[in-house]
C-alpha atoms as a PDB file:
ATOM      1  CA  MET A   1      -4.264 -15.617  -1.537  1.00  0.00           C
ATOM      2  CA  ARG A   2      -1.240 -13.631  -0.384  1.00  0.00           C
ATOM      3  CA  THR A   3       2.284 -14.320  -1.533  1.00  0.00           C
ATOM      4  CA  GLU A   4       5.586 -12.543  -1.054  1.00  0.00           C
ATOM      5  CA  LYS A   5       8.444 -11.978  -3.477  1.00  0.00           C
ATOM      6  CA  GLU A   6      10.993  -9.363  -4.492  1.00  0.00           C
ATOM      7  CA  ILE A   7       9.853  -6.942  -7.185  1.00  0.00           C
ATOM      8  CA  LEU A   8      11.537  -4.180  -9.144  1.00  0.00           C
ATOM      9  CA  ILE A   9      10.911  -0.782  -7.585  1.00  0.00           C
ATOM     10  CA  GLU A  10      10.497   0.787 -11.028  1.00  0.00           C
ATOM     11  CA  SER A  11       7.437  -1.436 -11.608  1.00  0.00           C
ATOM     12  CA  ILE A  12       5.540   0.089  -8.653  1.00  0.00           C
ATOM     13  CA  VAL A  13       2.668   2.414  -9.520  1.00  0.00           C
ATOM     14  CA  CYS A  14       2.252   5.207  -6.975  1.00  0.00           C
ATOM     15  CA  ASP A  15       0.853   8.737  -7.271  1.00  0.00           C
ATOM     16  CA  ARG A  16       3.664  10.326  -5.320  1.00  0.00           C
ATOM     17  CA  LEU A  17       6.395   9.332  -2.916  1.00  0.00           C
ATOM     18  CA  PRO A  18       7.064  11.365   0.223  1.00  0.00           C
ATOM     19  CA  LEU A  19      10.367  12.961   1.146  1.00  0.00           C
ATOM     20  CA  ASN A  20      10.273  13.848   4.826  1.00  0.00           C
ATOM     21  CA  TYR A  21      11.892  13.015   8.161  1.00  0.00           C
ATOM     22  CA  SER A  22      10.109   9.658   8.299  1.00  0.00           C
ATOM     23  CA  VAL A  23      11.728   8.624   5.017  1.00  0.00           C
ATOM     24  CA  LEU A  24      15.152   9.879   6.131  1.00  0.00           C
ATOM     25  CA  ASN A  25      14.813   7.920   9.373  1.00  0.00           C
ATOM     26  CA  LEU A  26      14.072   4.793   7.343  1.00  0.00           C
ATOM     27  CA  VAL A  27      17.138   5.479   5.176  1.00  0.00           C
ATOM     28  CA  PHE A  28      19.356   5.657   8.264  1.00  0.00           C
ATOM     29  CA  PHE A  29      17.682   2.559   9.695  1.00  0.00           C
ATOM     30  CA  LEU A  30      18.329   0.602   6.478  1.00  0.00           C
ATOM     31  CA  MET A  31      21.922   1.881   6.276  1.00  0.00           C
ATOM     32  CA  SER A  32      22.562   0.564   9.786  1.00  0.00           C
ATOM     33  CA  GLY A  33      21.468  -2.941   8.735  1.00  0.00           C
ATOM     34  CA  GLY A  34      17.798  -2.699   9.634  1.00  0.00           C
ATOM     35  CA  GLN A  35      15.212  -4.708   7.743  1.00  0.00           C
ATOM     36  CA  MET A  36      11.745  -3.550   6.787  1.00  0.00           C
ATOM     37  CA  PRO A  37       8.537  -5.579   6.422  1.00  0.00           C
ATOM     38  CA  PRO A  38       7.335  -6.125   2.858  1.00  0.00           C
ATOM     39  CA  ILE A  39       5.269  -3.462   1.154  1.00  0.00           C
ATOM     40  CA  LYS A  40       1.717  -4.335   0.078  1.00  0.00           C
ATOM     41  CA  VAL A  41       0.919  -4.363  -3.629  1.00  0.00           C
ATOM     42  CA  GLN A  42      -1.681  -5.560  -6.073  1.00  0.00           C
ATOM     43  CA  LYS A  43      -0.943  -6.589  -9.651  1.00  0.00           C
ATOM     44  CA  CYS A  44      -2.306  -4.094 -12.180  1.00  0.00           C
ATOM     45  CA  GLU A  45      -2.045  -3.474 -15.921  1.00  0.00           C
ATOM     46  CA  THR A  46       1.013  -1.218 -15.631  1.00  0.00           C
ATOM     47  CA  GLY A  47       2.907  -3.059 -12.893  1.00  0.00           C
ATOM     48  CA  TYR A  48       2.124  -3.189  -9.182  1.00  0.00           C
ATOM     49  CA  LYS A  49      -0.325  -0.839  -7.477  1.00  0.00           C
ATOM     50  CA  LEU A  50       1.121   0.253  -4.133  1.00  0.00           C
ATOM     51  CA  LEU A  51      -1.378  -0.327  -1.321  1.00  0.00           C
ATOM     52  CA  ASP A  52       0.934   0.292   1.639  1.00  0.00           C
ATOM     53  CA  GLY A  53       4.597   1.273   1.965  1.00  0.00           C
ATOM     54  CA  ARG A  54       5.154   4.654   0.283  1.00  0.00           C
ATOM     55  CA  HIS A  55       7.778   5.658   2.868  1.00  0.00           C
ATOM     56  CA  ARG A  56       9.638   2.348   2.481  1.00  0.00           C
ATOM     57  CA  VAL A  57       9.653   2.631  -1.322  1.00  0.00           C
ATOM     58  CA  ALA A  58      10.920   6.227  -1.080  1.00  0.00           C
ATOM     59  CA  ALA A  59      13.719   5.155   1.287  1.00  0.00           C
ATOM     60  CA  TYR A  60      14.770   2.284  -0.993  1.00  0.00           C
ATOM     61  CA  LYS A  61      14.821   4.643  -3.992  1.00  0.00           C
ATOM     62  CA  LEU A  62      16.971   7.172  -2.105  1.00  0.00           C
ATOM     63  CA  LEU A  63      19.441   4.391  -1.373  1.00  0.00           C
ATOM     64  CA  GLY A  64      19.510   3.426  -5.045  1.00  0.00           C
ATOM     65  CA  LEU A  65      18.141  -0.049  -4.394  1.00  0.00           C
ATOM     66  CA  LYS A  66      16.451  -1.733  -7.341  1.00  0.00           C
ATOM     67  CA  LYS A  67      14.282  -4.367  -5.611  1.00  0.00           C
ATOM     68  CA  ILE A  68      12.006  -4.498  -2.588  1.00  0.00           C
ATOM     69  CA  TRP A  69      10.084  -7.308  -0.902  1.00  0.00           C
ATOM     70  CA  ALA A  70       6.348  -7.120  -1.530  1.00  0.00           C
ATOM     71  CA  LYS A  71       3.307  -8.947  -0.259  1.00  0.00           C
ATOM     72  CA  PHE A  72       0.678  -9.445  -2.958  1.00  0.00           C
ATOM     73  CA  TYR A  73      -2.995  -8.889  -2.257  1.00  0.00           C
ATOM     74  CA  ASP A  74      -5.634 -10.215  -4.606  1.00  0.00           C
ATOM     75  CA  THR A  75      -9.024  -8.755  -5.425  1.00  0.00           C
ATOM     76  CA  ASP A  76     -10.751 -10.837  -2.734  1.00  0.00           C
ATOM     77  CA  THR A  77      -8.706  -9.006  -0.119  1.00  0.00           C
ATOM     78  CA  ASP A  78      -9.734  -5.691  -1.652  1.00  0.00           C
ATOM     79  CA  THR A  79     -13.363  -6.764  -1.549  1.00  0.00           C
ATOM     80  CA  ASP A  80     -13.037  -7.818   2.086  1.00  0.00           C
ATOM     81  CA  GLN A  81     -11.422  -4.495   3.009  1.00  0.00           C
ATOM     82  CA  PHE A  82     -14.077  -2.588   1.060  1.00  0.00           C
ATOM     83  CA  LEU A  83     -16.819  -4.320   3.039  1.00  0.00           C
ATOM     84  CA  VAL A  84     -15.047  -3.683   6.349  1.00  0.00           C
ATOM     85  CA  ASN A  85     -14.747   0.007   5.438  1.00  0.00           C
ATOM     86  CA  ALA A  86     -18.400   0.156   4.381  1.00  0.00           C
ATOM     87  CA  TYR A  87     -19.495  -1.430   7.655  1.00  0.00           C
ATOM     88  CA  ALA A  88     -17.383   0.993   9.697  1.00  0.00           C
ATOM     89  CA  ILE A  89     -18.813   3.985   7.830  1.00  0.00           C
ATOM     90  CA  ALA A  90     -22.357   2.655   8.238  1.00  0.00           C
ATOM     91  CA  VAL A  91     -21.892   2.330  12.001  1.00  0.00           C
ATOM     92  CA  LEU A  92     -20.186   5.719  12.378  1.00  0.00           C
ATOM     93  CA  LEU A  93     -22.771   7.596  10.318  1.00  0.00           C
ATOM     94  CA  ASN A  94     -25.755   5.497  11.421  1.00  0.00           C
ATOM     95  CA  ILE A  95     -26.681   4.618   7.835  1.00  0.00           C
ATOM     96  CA  SER A  96     -27.320   1.350   6.000  1.00  0.00           C
ATOM     97  CA  ILE A  97     -24.505  -0.720   4.490  1.00  0.00           C
ATOM     98  CA  ASN A  98     -25.896   0.008   1.009  1.00  0.00           C
ATOM     99  CA  GLU A  99     -25.785   3.756   1.692  1.00  0.00           C
ATOM    100  CA  ALA A 100     -22.212   3.422   2.934  1.00  0.00           C
ATOM    101  CA  VAL A 101     -21.201   1.493  -0.216  1.00  0.00           C
ATOM    102  CA  GLU A 102     -22.706   4.207  -2.405  1.00  0.00           C
ATOM    103  CA  LEU A 103     -20.925   6.874  -0.352  1.00  0.00           C
ATOM    104  CA  ILE A 104     -17.563   5.122  -0.819  1.00  0.00           C
ATOM    105  CA  LYS A 105     -18.147   4.712  -4.557  1.00  0.00           C
ATOM    106  CA  HIS A 106     -19.034   8.396  -4.844  1.00  0.00           C
ATOM    107  CA  TYR A 107     -15.767   9.520  -3.231  1.00  0.00           C
ATOM    108  CA  LYS A 108     -13.411   7.060  -4.954  1.00  0.00           C
END
C-alpha cells in the first residue's frame, strides 16, 4: 500500500545529499513557485529510508524548509522491485532467476 504525507526532512535517512547544478536548478524552480512530486521513502528503525529524491531533499534543505511530501512504499513494493530487477539481470546476462537473485544479494 502506498500513502502520501508530509514528513520532517531531518527524519530522512540518506547516505549523502548532492550539491550540484541539478540541485541549484531545483532551488530556483522552488523559489519561483514550482512544486515538486513527492519523494519516495520507506519507514525504517531510524526514520525514513530515502528511496528516490536526493536532489529534491537537498534543494529543500538549502531553502531551509523543514517538511517535504513523501510517498511511502512498503516491503511488498520492495519485493516486487527486487524481482523485477532479478528478472532483468537474468535476461541481460542469460542466467537463471535464482542466479540473478544470488548475484543481487552478493552485491548489496
